[in-house]
Amino acid sequence: MGAFVLLEFLLQLGALVMHLRHDQEHDSRRVQAAARVALCVGDSFTFGLHATSTAFSYPAQAQARVVASGRSPIEFVNAGVPGQSSRDVLLRLDNDLLQRQPHVVYVLVGTNDHTFRPALAREEDLAELRTAGFTWRLRTWRLVQLLNSSAPTVEAKQAQPFLGIWHADQIEFEFAADGSMRLGDQRWQWSLASDGKISVRLPDGRHLPIEWRVLGARLQVACALWDPPLLFEPGPMPGPVNAVLREHLRQIVARVRAAGARCVLLTYPGGAFARPGLNDCLRVAAHENGAGLLDVEARFHELARAGDVARYFVADGHCSDLGNEEIARLCADDAQR
């Protein structure tokens, strides 16, 4: 129990230090009174987690590009917080808009929604948090969730590409690395047979052979349950996660507009943090709400065709300094239009 309390204290302290550091950097780096403000909100990709220093986050590098261009002054403000979901961004947004009074807001959020599955923010939730300040919340559980969704599963997926969650029409199932198979609310056990087929052990003791084949990003499965074979899409069935995300994004865009600013949504660059369908959800949200869109994923696809894209990421899937530089280039060019 003591170790848990100590860990929670250290996480709270670290979060408070990051909160205060952002405020101090905002005060110390104000460009000039006449500068327009570009507010960058989101999660660890905005914060610049694992960049070699705060100067290599994408908002800081966008600021450097604007200064070097000698054009009209723009102050890029980094309001990213690691671990934020779309709900967190929405709850903080009114205070950010009031304090910074931006002319444009860049929004990069959504990947943590698939980990934390936040509830839809209500108006009373927003009203309670309209005063500025640090948000106290239990952080140890969020750390456990993040660790459970990180790198080792990526390595397992590469070794056995059928691992993960798949869906087709009204069917969703999952092959987990621990040897369990979930079909709806039923759980069975699977093993890999010598002929390469998957052998699923049913509750009555019988074994169900499953033939599988990867076709691009899809998984073709043939067995007694699904005959003829079915083609499954990666990821869970579209449902509450993306629905909640799109509603939060709608509210974010509306609030930014009400504050007299332009709202621009960003897609994720891909890599280990790619969530199936997430970037498409962000593109649809931008179109539905008339927001701007910077397609970061498309830019990284261009980089992949030109050479080794791995150098634009660090080991855990966040952007390296080079990766942040590419996002900064898109944002700086957009802000100066």
C-alpha atoms as a PDB file:
ATOM      1  CA  MET A   1       0.000   0.000   0.000  1.00  0.00           C
ATOM      2  CA  GLY A   2       2.858   2.334   0.863  1.00  0.00           C
ATOM      3  CA  ALA A   3       4.454   1.760  -2.542  1.00  0.00           C
ATOM      4  CA  PHE A   4       1.152   2.581  -4.268  1.00  0.00           C
ATOM      5  CA  VAL A   5       0.797   5.836  -2.307  1.00  0.00           C
ATOM      6  CA  LEU A   6       4.406   6.778  -3.081  1.00  0.00           C
ATOM      7  CA  LEU A   7       3.932   6.072  -6.808  1.00  0.00           C
ATOM      8  CA  GLU A   8       0.716   8.115  -6.893  1.00  0.00           C
ATOM      9  CA  PHE A   9       2.491  10.997  -5.095  1.00  0.00           C
ATOM     10  CA  LEU A  10       5.372  10.940  -7.590  1.00  0.00           C
ATOM     11  CA  LEU A  11       2.962  10.882 -10.559  1.00  0.00           C
ATOM     12  CA  GLN A  12       0.989  13.805  -9.129  1.00  0.00           C
ATOM     13  CA  LEU A  13       4.208  15.718  -8.471  1.00  0.00           C
ATOM     14  CA  GLY A  14       5.469  15.077 -12.009  1.00  0.00           C
ATOM     15  CA  ALA A  15       2.149  16.205 -13.506  1.00  0.00           C
ATOM     16  CA  LEU A  16       2.195  19.361 -11.367  1.00  0.00           C
ATOM     17  CA  VAL A  17       5.773  20.167 -12.436  1.00  0.00           C
ATOM     18  CA  MET A  18       4.810  19.808 -16.120  1.00  0.00           C
ATOM     19  CA  HIS A  19       1.765  22.031 -15.553  1.00  0.00           C
ATOM     20  CA  LEU A  20       3.837  24.748 -13.877  1.00  0.00           C
ATOM     21  CA  ARG A  21       6.601  24.434 -16.477  1.00  0.00           C
ATOM     22  CA  HIS A  22       4.162  25.121 -19.299  1.00  0.00           C
ATOM     23  CA  ASP A  23       2.893  28.241 -17.534  1.00  0.00           C
ATOM     24  CA  GLN A  24       6.443  29.464 -16.887  1.00  0.00           C
ATOM     25  CA  GLU A  25       7.491  28.844 -20.486  1.00  0.00           C
ATOM     26  CA  HIS A  26       4.439  30.716 -21.721  1.00  0.00           C
ATOM     27  CA  ASP A  27       5.322  33.727 -19.558  1.00  0.00           C
ATOM     28  CA  SER A  28       9.048  33.685 -20.387  1.00  0.00           C
ATOM     29  CA  ARG A  29       8.750  33.138 -24.144  1.00  0.00           C
ATOM     30  CA  ARG A  30       6.028  35.656 -25.058  1.00  0.00           C
ATOM     31  CA  VAL A  31       7.079  36.983 -28.445  1.00  0.00           C
ATOM     32  CA  GLN A  32       5.564  40.480 -28.295  1.00  0.00           C
ATOM     33  CA  ALA A  33       2.208  42.037 -27.466  1.00  0.00           C
ATOM     34  CA  ALA A  34       1.171  42.234 -31.116  1.00  0.00           C
ATOM     35  CA  ALA A  35       1.902  38.554 -31.834  1.00  0.00           C
ATOM     36  CA  ARG A  36      -0.946  36.295 -32.865  1.00  0.00           C
ATOM     37  CA  VAL A  37      -1.247  33.096 -30.827  1.00  0.00           C
ATOM     38  CA  ALA A  38      -1.355  29.541 -32.187  1.00  0.00           C
ATOM     39  CA  LEU A  39      -2.579  27.289 -29.379  1.00  0.00           C
ATOM     40  CA  CYS A  40      -1.583  23.600 -29.639  1.00  0.00           C
ATOM     41  CA  VAL A  41      -3.706  21.211 -27.558  1.00  0.00           C
ATOM     42  CA  GLY A  42      -3.589  17.443 -27.300  1.00  0.00           C
ATOM     43  CA  ASP A  43      -1.711  14.563 -25.713  1.00  0.00           C
ATOM     44  CA  SER A  44       1.920  13.414 -25.539  1.00  0.00           C
ATOM     45  CA  PHE A  45       2.422  13.993 -29.278  1.00  0.00           C
ATOM     46  CA  THR A  46       1.767  17.706 -28.731  1.00  0.00           C
ATOM     47  CA  PHE A  47       3.661  17.822 -25.455  1.00  0.00           C
ATOM     48  CA  GLY A  48       6.724  16.365 -27.181  1.00  0.00           C
ATOM     49  CA  LEU A  49       7.182  13.299 -24.997  1.00  0.00           C
ATOM     50  CA  HIS A  50      10.623  11.716 -25.568  1.00  0.00           C
ATOM     51  CA  ALA A  51      11.913  14.622 -27.662  1.00  0.00           C
ATOM     52  CA  THR A  52      15.473  15.406 -26.589  1.00  0.00           C
ATOM     53  CA  SER A  53      14.242  18.641 -24.962  1.00  0.00           C
ATOM     54  CA  THR A  54      11.180  20.893 -24.848  1.00  0.00           C
ATOM     55  CA  ALA A  55      12.755  22.891 -27.681  1.00  0.00           C
ATOM     56  CA  PHE A  56      12.120  19.940 -30.020  1.00  0.00           C
ATOM     57  CA  SER A  57       8.391  19.505 -29.438  1.00  0.00           C
ATOM     58  CA  TYR A  58       6.427  20.328 -32.568  1.00  0.00           C
ATOM     59  CA  PRO A  59       4.986  23.626 -31.166  1.00  0.00           C
ATOM     60  CA  ALA A  60       8.484  24.834 -30.168  1.00  0.00           C
ATOM     61  CA  GLN A  61       9.951  23.905 -33.559  1.00  0.00           C
ATOM     62  CA  ALA A  62       7.019  25.617 -35.318  1.00  0.00           C
ATOM     63  CA  GLN A  63       7.806  28.726 -33.269  1.00  0.00           C
ATOM     64  CA  ALA A  64      11.456  28.589 -34.333  1.00  0.00           C
ATOM     65  CA  ARG A  65      10.466  28.263 -38.001  1.00  0.00           C
ATOM     66  CA  VAL A  66       8.166  31.289 -37.789  1.00  0.00           C
ATOM     67  CA  VAL A  67      10.857  33.409 -36.106  1.00  0.00           C
ATOM     68  CA  ALA A  68      13.448  32.338 -38.697  1.00  0.00           C
ATOM     69  CA  SER A  69      11.099  33.291 -41.542  1.00  0.00           C
ATOM     70  CA  GLY A  70      10.980  36.913 -40.388  1.00  0.00           C
ATOM     71  CA  ARG A  71       7.288  37.128 -41.240  1.00  0.00           C
ATOM     72  CA  SER A  72       4.438  38.328 -39.019  1.00  0.00           C
ATOM     73  CA  PRO A  73       5.016  37.259 -35.391  1.00  0.00           C
ATOM     74  CA  ILE A  74       3.134  34.201 -34.181  1.00  0.00           C
ATOM     75  CA  GLU A  75       3.461  32.724 -30.710  1.00  0.00           C
ATOM     76  CA  PHE A  76       3.032  28.943 -30.582  1.00  0.00           C
ATOM     77  CA  VAL A  77       1.779  27.838 -27.140  1.00  0.00           C
ATOM     78  CA  ASN A  78       2.217  24.188 -26.165  1.00  0.00           C
ATOM     79  CA  ALA A  79      -0.794  23.118 -24.068  1.00  0.00           C
ATOM     80  CA  GLY A  80      -0.288  19.387 -24.672  1.00  0.00           C
ATOM     81  CA  VAL A  81      -0.499  17.032 -21.681  1.00  0.00           C
ATOM     82  CA  PRO A  82       0.630  13.371 -21.862  1.00  0.00           C
ATOM     83  CA  GLY A  83      -2.218  10.907 -21.434  1.00  0.00           C
ATOM     84  CA  GLN A  84      -5.007  13.325 -22.353  1.00  0.00           C
ATOM     85  CA  SER A  85      -8.152  12.021 -24.013  1.00  0.00           C
ATOM     86  CA  SER A  86     -10.564  14.100 -26.079  1.00  0.00           C
ATOM     87  CA  ARG A  87     -12.637  14.580 -22.920  1.00  0.00           C
ATOM     88  CA  ASP A  88      -9.614  16.007 -21.068  1.00  0.00           C
ATOM     89  CA  VAL A  89      -8.874  18.434 -23.916  1.00  0.00           C
ATOM     90  CA  LEU A  90     -12.491  19.583 -23.986  1.00  0.00           C
ATOM     91  CA  LEU A  91     -12.611  20.102 -20.206  1.00  0.00           C
ATOM     92  CA  ARG A  92      -9.455  22.249 -20.287  1.00  0.00           C
ATOM     93  CA  LEU A  93     -10.307  24.130 -23.457  1.00  0.00           C
ATOM     94  CA  ASP A  94     -12.374  27.053 -22.118  1.00  0.00           C
ATOM     95  CA  ASN A  95      -9.591  28.046 -19.740  1.00  0.00           C
ATOM     96  CA  ASP A  96      -6.943  27.680 -22.450  1.00  0.00           C
ATOM     97  CA  LEU A  97      -8.957  29.866 -24.815  1.00  0.00           C
ATOM     98  CA  LEU A  98      -9.582  32.485 -22.132  1.00  0.00           C
ATOM     99  CA  GLN A  99      -5.917  32.656 -21.070  1.00  0.00           C
ATOM    100  CA  ARG A 100      -4.256  32.486 -24.482  1.00  0.00           C
ATOM    101  CA  GLN A 101      -6.848  34.164 -26.758  1.00  0.00           C
ATOM    102  CA  PRO A 102      -5.517  32.360 -29.861  1.00  0.00           C
ATOM    103  CA  HIS A 103      -6.215  33.123 -33.504  1.00  0.00           C
ATOM    104  CA  VAL A 104      -5.816  29.434 -34.408  1.00  0.00           C
ATOM    105  CA  VAL A 105      -6.014  26.202 -32.378  1.00  0.00           C
ATOM    106  CA  TYR A 106      -4.268  22.980 -33.478  1.00  0.00           C
ATOM    107  CA  VAL A 107      -5.869  19.815 -32.052  1.00  0.00           C
ATOM    108  CA  LEU A 108      -4.146  16.409 -32.012  1.00  0.00           C
ATOM    109  CA  VAL A 109      -6.041  13.989 -29.785  1.00  0.00           C
ATOM    110  CA  GLY A 110      -7.769  10.614 -29.909  1.00  0.00           C
ATOM    111  CA  THR A 111      -5.279   7.799 -29.393  1.00  0.00           C
ATOM    112  CA  ASN A 112      -5.795   7.789 -25.606  1.00  0.00           C
ATOM    113  CA  ASP A 113      -9.566   7.526 -26.117  1.00  0.00           C
ATOM    114  CA  HIS A 114      -8.925   3.960 -27.309  1.00  0.00           C
ATOM    115  CA  THR A 115      -7.015   3.208 -24.089  1.00  0.00           C
ATOM    116  CA  PHE A 116      -9.093   5.061 -21.468  1.00  0.00           C
ATOM    117  CA  ARG A 117     -12.497   5.013 -23.243  1.00  0.00           C
ATOM    118  CA  PRO A 118     -13.677   8.298 -21.682  1.00  0.00           C
ATOM    119  CA  ALA A 119     -17.324   9.017 -20.952  1.00  0.00           C
ATOM    120  CA  LEU A 120     -19.078  11.737 -22.903  1.00  0.00           C
ATOM    121  CA  ALA A 121     -18.479  15.112 -21.246  1.00  0.00           C
ATOM    122  CA  ARG A 122     -21.661  16.752 -19.991  1.00  0.00           C
ATOM    123  CA  GLU A 123     -22.348  20.468 -19.702  1.00  0.00           C
ATOM    124  CA  GLU A 124     -22.161  20.236 -15.899  1.00  0.00           C
ATOM    125  CA  ASP A 125     -18.694  18.662 -16.222  1.00  0.00           C
ATOM    126  CA  LEU A 126     -17.575  21.624 -18.308  1.00  0.00           C
ATOM    127  CA  ALA A 127     -19.082  24.152 -15.899  1.00  0.00           C
ATOM    128  CA  GLU A 128     -17.212  22.664 -12.928  1.00  0.00           C
ATOM    129  CA  LEU A 129     -13.816  23.047 -14.599  1.00  0.00           C
ATOM    130  CA  ARG A 130     -13.989  26.550 -16.069  1.00  0.00           C
ATOM    131  CA  THR A 131     -11.675  27.932 -13.392  1.00  0.00           C
ATOM    132  CA  ALA A 132      -7.966  27.800 -14.212  1.00  0.00           C
ATOM    133  CA  GLY A 133      -5.675  25.500 -12.331  1.00  0.00           C
ATOM    134  CA  PHE A 134      -4.125  22.083 -11.984  1.00  0.00           C
ATOM    135  CA  THR A 135      -6.437  19.053 -12.302  1.00  0.00           C
ATOM    136  CA  TRP A 136      -6.087  16.505  -9.495  1.00  0.00           C
ATOM    137  CA  ARG A 137      -7.032  12.951 -10.437  1.00  0.00           C
ATOM    138  CA  LEU A 138      -5.902   9.386  -9.758  1.00  0.00           C
ATOM    139  CA  ARG A 139      -2.928   8.848 -12.085  1.00  0.00           C
ATOM    140  CA  THR A 140      -1.602   5.402 -11.077  1.00  0.00           C
ATOM    141  CA  TRP A 141      -4.486   3.606 -12.816  1.00  0.00           C
ATOM    142  CA  ARG A 142      -3.920   5.628 -16.002  1.00  0.00           C
ATOM    143  CA  LEU A 143      -0.223   4.611 -15.894  1.00  0.00           C
ATOM    144  CA  VAL A 144      -1.195   0.925 -15.640  1.00  0.00           C
ATOM    145  CA  GLN A 145      -3.543   1.294 -18.625  1.00  0.00           C
ATOM    146  CA  LEU A 146      -0.835   2.937 -20.718  1.00  0.00           C
ATOM    147  CA  LEU A 147       1.724   0.251 -19.853  1.00  0.00           C
ATOM    148  CA  ASN A 148      -0.746  -2.502 -20.750  1.00  0.00           C
ATOM    149  CA  SER A 149      -1.279  -0.982 -24.217  1.00  0.00           C
ATOM    150  CA  SER A 150       2.386  -0.401 -25.133  1.00  0.00           C
ATOM    151  CA  ALA A 151       5.297  -1.953 -27.027  1.00  0.00           C
ATOM    152  CA  PRO A 152       5.397  -5.696 -26.137  1.00  0.00           C
ATOM    153  CA  THR A 153       2.050  -6.272 -27.893  1.00  0.00           C
ATOM    154  CA  VAL A 154       3.523  -4.712 -31.055  1.00  0.00           C
ATOM    155  CA  GLU A 155       6.367  -7.258 -31.057  1.00  0.00           C
ATOM    156  CA  ALA A 156       3.914 -10.135 -30.475  1.00  0.00           C
ATOM    157  CA  LYS A 157       1.713  -8.871 -33.303  1.00  0.00           C
ATOM    158  CA  GLN A 158       4.664  -8.888 -35.689  1.00  0.00           C
ATOM    159  CA  ALA A 159       5.506 -12.489 -34.751  1.00  0.00           C
ATOM    160  CA  GLN A 160       1.896 -13.715 -35.075  1.00  0.00           C
ATOM    161  CA  PRO A 161       0.001 -11.289 -37.308  1.00  0.00           C
ATOM    162  CA  PHE A 162      -3.437 -12.699 -36.464  1.00  0.00           C
ATOM    163  CA  LEU A 163      -3.121 -11.357 -32.901  1.00  0.00           C
ATOM    164  CA  GLY A 164      -5.372  -8.461 -31.995  1.00  0.00           C
ATOM    165  CA  ILE A 165      -8.992  -7.371 -32.348  1.00  0.00           C
ATOM    166  CA  TRP A 166     -10.846  -7.856 -35.649  1.00  0.00           C
ATOM    167  CA  HIS A 167     -14.349  -7.122 -36.875  1.00  0.00           C
ATOM    168  CA  ALA A 168     -16.670  -7.816 -39.814  1.00  0.00           C
ATOM    169  CA  ASP A 169     -20.297  -6.670 -40.002  1.00  0.00           C
ATOM    170  CA  GLN A 170     -21.716  -7.583 -36.577  1.00  0.00           C
ATOM    171  CA  ILE A 171     -18.879  -9.919 -35.520  1.00  0.00           C
ATOM    172  CA  GLU A 172     -15.924  -8.904 -33.343  1.00  0.00           C
ATOM    173  CA  PHE A 173     -13.284 -11.256 -31.982  1.00  0.00           C
ATOM    174  CA  GLU A 174      -9.807 -11.112 -30.481  1.00  0.00           C
ATOM    175  CA  PHE A 175      -6.779 -13.392 -30.435  1.00  0.00           C
ATOM    176  CA  ALA A 176      -4.696 -12.410 -27.380  1.00  0.00           C
ATOM    177  CA  ALA A 177      -1.005 -13.160 -26.878  1.00  0.00           C
ATOM    178  CA  ASP A 178      -1.824 -15.070 -23.653  1.00  0.00           C
ATOM    179  CA  GLY A 179      -3.533 -17.821 -25.681  1.00  0.00           C
ATOM    180  CA  SER A 180      -7.117 -16.674 -25.143  1.00  0.00           C
ATOM    181  CA  MET A 181      -9.681 -16.014 -27.849  1.00  0.00           C
ATOM    182  CA  ARG A 182     -12.682 -13.750 -27.275  1.00  0.00           C
ATOM    183  CA  LEU A 183     -15.794 -13.949 -29.449  1.00  0.00           C
ATOM    184  CA  GLY A 184     -18.351 -11.481 -28.140  1.00  0.00           C
ATOM    185  CA  ASP A 185     -18.555 -12.241 -24.410  1.00  0.00           C
ATOM    186  CA  GLN A 186     -17.314 -15.840 -24.821  1.00  0.00           C
ATOM    187  CA  ARG A 187     -13.683 -16.761 -24.086  1.00  0.00           C
ATOM    188  CA  TRP A 188     -11.890 -19.810 -25.415  1.00  0.00           C
ATOM    189  CA  GLN A 189      -8.256 -20.939 -25.662  1.00  0.00           C
ATOM    190  CA  TRP A 190      -6.204 -21.110 -28.845  1.00  0.00           C
ATOM    191  CA  SER A 191      -2.871 -22.649 -29.862  1.00  0.00           C
ATOM    192  CA  LEU A 192      -0.895 -22.794 -33.084  1.00  0.00           C
ATOM    193  CA  ALA A 193      -0.959 -26.228 -34.719  1.00  0.00           C
ATOM    194  CA  SER A 194       2.019 -27.734 -36.551  1.00  0.00           C
ATOM    195  CA  ASP A 195       0.339 -27.125 -39.934  1.00  0.00           C
ATOM    196  CA  GLY A 196       0.086 -23.393 -39.187  1.00  0.00           C
ATOM    197  CA  LYS A 197      -3.637 -23.454 -38.456  1.00  0.00           C
ATOM    198  CA  ILE A 198      -5.065 -22.046 -35.248  1.00  0.00           C
ATOM    199  CA  SER A 199      -6.612 -24.672 -32.989  1.00  0.00           C
ATOM    200  CA  VAL A 200      -9.336 -23.291 -30.712  1.00  0.00           C
ATOM    201  CA  ARG A 201     -10.411 -25.393 -27.733  1.00  0.00           C
ATOM    202  CA  LEU A 202     -14.184 -25.123 -27.238  1.00  0.00           C
ATOM    203  CA  PRO A 203     -15.887 -25.410 -23.821  1.00  0.00           C
ATOM    204  CA  ASP A 204     -16.955 -29.023 -24.570  1.00  0.00           C
ATOM    205  CA  GLY A 205     -13.331 -30.034 -25.191  1.00  0.00           C
ATOM    206  CA  ARG A 206     -13.529 -30.203 -28.985  1.00  0.00           C
ATOM    207  CA  HIS A 207     -10.912 -28.414 -31.081  1.00  0.00           C
ATOM    208  CA  LEU A 208     -11.951 -26.069 -33.860  1.00  0.00           C
ATOM    209  CA  PRO A 209      -9.330 -25.672 -36.619  1.00  0.00           C
ATOM    210  CA  ILE A 210      -9.133 -22.177 -38.110  1.00  0.00           C
ATOM    211  CA  GLU A 211      -7.341 -21.353 -41.329  1.00  0.00           C
ATOM    212  CA  TRP A 212      -6.086 -17.780 -41.552  1.00  0.00           C
ATOM    213  CA  ARG A 213      -4.420 -15.577 -44.109  1.00  0.00           C
ATOM    214  CA  VAL A 214      -3.305 -11.950 -43.946  1.00  0.00           C
ATOM    215  CA  LEU A 215      -4.412  -9.884 -46.953  1.00  0.00           C
ATOM    216  CA  GLY A 216      -2.884  -6.431 -46.619  1.00  0.00           C
ATOM    217  CA  ALA A 217      -4.266  -4.999 -43.375  1.00  0.00           C
ATOM    218  CA  ARG A 218      -7.132  -7.533 -43.293  1.00  0.00           C
ATOM    219  CA  LEU A 219      -7.422 -11.058 -41.921  1.00  0.00           C
ATOM    220  CA  GLN A 220      -9.214 -13.817 -43.866  1.00  0.00           C
ATOM    221  CA  VAL A 221     -10.592 -16.555 -41.630  1.00  0.00           C
ATOM    222  CA  ALA A 222     -12.128 -19.891 -42.628  1.00  0.00           C
ATOM    223  CA  CYS A 223     -13.614 -22.391 -40.164  1.00  0.00           C
ATOM    224  CA  ALA A 224     -16.865 -24.214 -39.346  1.00  0.00           C
ATOM    225  CA  LEU A 225     -18.188 -21.042 -37.716  1.00  0.00           C
ATOM    226  CA  TRP A 226     -17.574 -18.900 -40.783  1.00  0.00           C
ATOM    227  CA  ASP A 227     -18.028 -20.804 -44.028  1.00  0.00           C
ATOM    228  CA  PRO A 228     -17.458 -19.397 -46.611  1.00  0.00           C
ATOM    229  CA  PRO A 229     -14.404 -17.518 -45.292  1.00  0.00           C
ATOM    230  CA  LEU A 230     -14.879 -14.024 -43.885  1.00  0.00           C
ATOM    231  CA  LEU A 231     -12.604 -11.034 -44.356  1.00  0.00           C
ATOM    232  CA  PHE A 232     -12.063  -9.117 -41.110  1.00  0.00           C
ATOM    233  CA  GLU A 233     -11.001  -5.502 -40.681  1.00  0.00           C
ATOM    234  CA  PRO A 234      -8.446  -4.632 -37.966  1.00  0.00           C
ATOM    235  CA  GLY A 235      -9.629  -3.097 -34.703  1.00  0.00           C
ATOM    236  CA  PRO A 236     -12.892  -3.109 -32.745  1.00  0.00           C
ATOM    237  CA  MET A 237     -16.244  -2.513 -34.367  1.00  0.00           C
ATOM    238  CA  PRO A 238     -16.983   1.187 -34.805  1.00  0.00           C
ATOM    239  CA  GLY A 239     -18.965   2.184 -31.782  1.00  0.00           C
ATOM    240  CA  PRO A 240     -18.917   4.272 -28.623  1.00  0.00           C
ATOM    241  CA  VAL A 241     -15.193   5.155 -28.684  1.00  0.00           C
ATOM    242  CA  ASN A 242     -15.271   6.895 -32.052  1.00  0.00           C
ATOM    243  CA  ALA A 243     -18.771   8.236 -31.424  1.00  0.00           C
ATOM    244  CA  VAL A 244     -17.636   9.896 -28.181  1.00  0.00           C
ATOM    245  CA  LEU A 245     -14.457  11.177 -29.841  1.00  0.00           C
ATOM    246  CA  ARG A 246     -16.391  12.735 -32.722  1.00  0.00           C
ATOM    247  CA  GLU A 247     -18.842  14.419 -30.337  1.00  0.00           C
ATOM    248  CA  HIS A 248     -15.995  15.828 -28.236  1.00  0.00           C
ATOM    249  CA  LEU A 249     -14.286  17.079 -31.399  1.00  0.00           C
ATOM    250  CA  ARG A 250     -17.555  18.713 -32.503  1.00  0.00           C
ATOM    251  CA  GLN A 251     -17.730  20.558 -29.192  1.00  0.00           C
ATOM    252  CA  ILE A 252     -14.038  21.502 -29.378  1.00  0.00           C
ATOM    253  CA  VAL A 253     -14.463  23.010 -32.858  1.00  0.00           C
ATOM    254  CA  ALA A 254     -17.615  24.875 -31.759  1.00  0.00           C
ATOM    255  CA  ARG A 255     -15.915  26.358 -28.694  1.00  0.00           C
ATOM    256  CA  VAL A 256     -12.861  27.430 -30.665  1.00  0.00           C
ATOM    257  CA  ARG A 257     -15.081  29.174 -33.196  1.00  0.00           C
ATOM    258  CA  ALA A 258     -17.129  30.841 -30.452  1.00  0.00           C
ATOM    259  CA  ALA A 259     -13.845  32.267 -29.131  1.00  0.00           C
ATOM    260  CA  GLY A 260     -13.203  33.832 -32.545  1.00  0.00           C
ATOM    261  CA  ALA A 261     -10.409  31.446 -33.548  1.00  0.00           C
ATOM    262  CA  ARG A 262      -9.848  28.994 -36.379  1.00  0.00           C
ATOM    263  CA  CYS A 263      -9.737  25.279 -35.467  1.00  0.00           C
ATOM    264  CA  VAL A 264      -7.446  22.801 -37.249  1.00  0.00           C
ATOM    265  CA  LEU A 265      -7.455  19.047 -36.561  1.00  0.00           C
ATOM    266  CA  LEU A 266      -4.297  16.965 -37.076  1.00  0.00           C
ATOM    267  CA  THR A 267      -4.064  13.267 -37.864  1.00  0.00           C
ATOM    268  CA  TYR A 268      -1.498  11.034 -36.144  1.00  0.00           C
ATOM    269  CA  PRO A 269       1.737  10.117 -37.948  1.00  0.00           C
ATOM    270  CA  GLY A 270       1.196   6.360 -37.570  1.00  0.00           C
ATOM    271  CA  GLY A 271       3.824   4.041 -36.109  1.00  0.00           C
ATOM    272  CA  ALA A 272       3.258   1.974 -32.965  1.00  0.00           C
ATOM    273  CA  PHE A 273       0.480   4.288 -31.709  1.00  0.00           C
ATOM    274  CA  ALA A 274      -1.659   3.880 -34.837  1.00  0.00           C
ATOM    275  CA  ARG A 275      -5.213   2.950 -33.854  1.00  0.00           C
ATOM    276  CA  PRO A 276      -7.270   1.316 -36.621  1.00  0.00           C
ATOM    277  CA  GLY A 277      -9.712   3.842 -38.056  1.00  0.00           C
ATOM    278  CA  LEU A 278      -8.612   6.716 -35.790  1.00  0.00           C
ATOM    279  CA  ASN A 279      -7.167   8.956 -38.482  1.00  0.00           C
ATOM    280  CA  ASP A 280     -10.202   8.360 -40.690  1.00  0.00           C
ATOM    281  CA  CYS A 281     -12.371   9.390 -37.736  1.00  0.00           C
ATOM    282  CA  LEU A 282     -10.355  12.619 -37.377  1.00  0.00           C
ATOM    283  CA  ARG A 283     -10.693  13.371 -41.095  1.00  0.00           C
ATOM    284  CA  VAL A 284     -14.453  12.832 -40.956  1.00  0.00           C
ATOM    285  CA  ALA A 285     -14.736  15.063 -37.870  1.00  0.00           C
ATOM    286  CA  ALA A 286     -12.858  17.868 -39.643  1.00  0.00           C
ATOM    287  CA  HIS A 287     -15.146  17.579 -42.677  1.00  0.00           C
ATOM    288  CA  GLU A 288     -18.369  17.325 -40.646  1.00  0.00           C
ATOM    289  CA  ASN A 289     -17.578  20.380 -38.533  1.00  0.00           C
ATOM    290  CA  GLY A 290     -15.945  22.568 -41.171  1.00  0.00           C
ATOM    291  CA  ALA A 291     -12.590  22.560 -39.360  1.00  0.00           C
ATOM    292  CA  GLY A 292      -9.212  22.716 -41.040  1.00  0.00           C
ATOM    293  CA  LEU A 293      -7.195  19.513 -41.443  1.00  0.00           C
ATOM    294  CA  LEU A 294      -3.460  18.900 -41.461  1.00  0.00           C
ATOM    295  CA  ASP A 295      -2.959  15.308 -42.620  1.00  0.00           C
ATOM    296  CA  VAL A 296       0.193  14.352 -40.728  1.00  0.00           C
ATOM    297  CA  GLU A 297      -0.269  10.680 -41.613  1.00  0.00           C
ATOM    298  CA  ALA A 298      -0.191  11.502 -45.340  1.00  0.00           C
ATOM    299  CA  ARG A 299       3.047  13.454 -44.846  1.00  0.00           C
ATOM    300  CA  PHE A 300       4.664  10.508 -43.048  1.00  0.00           C
ATOM    301  CA  HIS A 301       3.562   8.190 -45.843  1.00  0.00           C
ATOM    302  CA  GLU A 302       5.485  10.461 -48.221  1.00  0.00           C
ATOM    303  CA  LEU A 303       8.529  10.219 -45.961  1.00  0.00           C
ATOM    304  CA  ALA A 304       8.217   6.416 -45.907  1.00  0.00           C
ATOM    305  CA  ARG A 305       8.265   6.286 -49.699  1.00  0.00           C
ATOM    306  CA  ALA A 306      11.360   8.494 -49.761  1.00  0.00           C
ATOM    307  CA  GLY A 307      13.417   6.488 -47.263  1.00  0.00           C
ATOM    308  CA  ASP A 308      13.644   5.032 -43.766  1.00  0.00           C
ATOM    309  CA  VAL A 309      10.686   6.422 -41.819  1.00  0.00           C
ATOM    310  CA  ALA A 310      11.852   4.764 -38.577  1.00  0.00           C
ATOM    311  CA  ARG A 311      14.169   7.687 -37.812  1.00  0.00           C
ATOM    312  CA  TYR A 312      11.121   9.941 -37.412  1.00  0.00           C
ATOM    313  CA  PHE A 313      10.027   7.899 -34.371  1.00  0.00           C
ATOM    314  CA  VAL A 314      11.576   6.881 -31.054  1.00  0.00           C
ATOM    315  CA  ALA A 315      11.472   3.289 -29.815  1.00  0.00           C
ATOM    316  CA  ASP A 316       8.040   3.494 -28.138  1.00  0.00           C
ATOM    317  CA  GLY A 317       6.295   5.031 -31.163  1.00  0.00           C
ATOM    318  CA  HIS A 318       6.312   8.726 -30.252  1.00  0.00           C
ATOM    319  CA  CYS A 319       7.915  11.198 -32.637  1.00  0.00           C
ATOM    320  CA  SER A 320      11.650  11.842 -32.595  1.00  0.00           C
ATOM    321  CA  ASP A 321      12.986  15.378 -32.979  1.00  0.00           C
ATOM    322  CA  LEU A 322      12.861  14.828 -36.747  1.00  0.00           C
ATOM    323  CA  GLY A 323       9.274  13.611 -36.594  1.00  0.00           C
ATOM    324  CA  ASN A 324       8.251  16.631 -34.549  1.00  0.00           C
ATOM    325  CA  GLU A 325      10.028  18.843 -37.085  1.00  0.00           C
ATOM    326  CA  GLU A 326       7.784  17.512 -39.865  1.00  0.00           C
ATOM    327  CA  ILE A 327       4.627  18.266 -37.871  1.00  0.00           C
ATOM    328  CA  ALA A 328       6.059  21.700 -37.026  1.00  0.00           C
ATOM    329  CA  ARG A 329       6.626  22.409 -40.712  1.00  0.00           C
ATOM    330  CA  LEU A 330       2.955  21.733 -41.501  1.00  0.00           C
ATOM    331  CA  CYS A 331       1.697  23.873 -38.610  1.00  0.00           C
ATOM    332  CA  ALA A 332       4.075  26.789 -39.210  1.00  0.00           C
ATOM    333  CA  ASP A 333       3.169  26.935 -42.904  1.00  0.00           C
ATOM    334  CA  ASP A 334      -0.553  26.804 -42.049  1.00  0.00           C
ATOM    335  CA  ALA A 335      -0.327  29.480 -39.353  1.00  0.00           C
ATOM    336  CA  GLN A 336       1.421  31.930 -41.691  1.00  0.00           C
ATOM    337  CA  ARG A 337      -1.109  31.617 -44.502  1.00  0.00           C
END
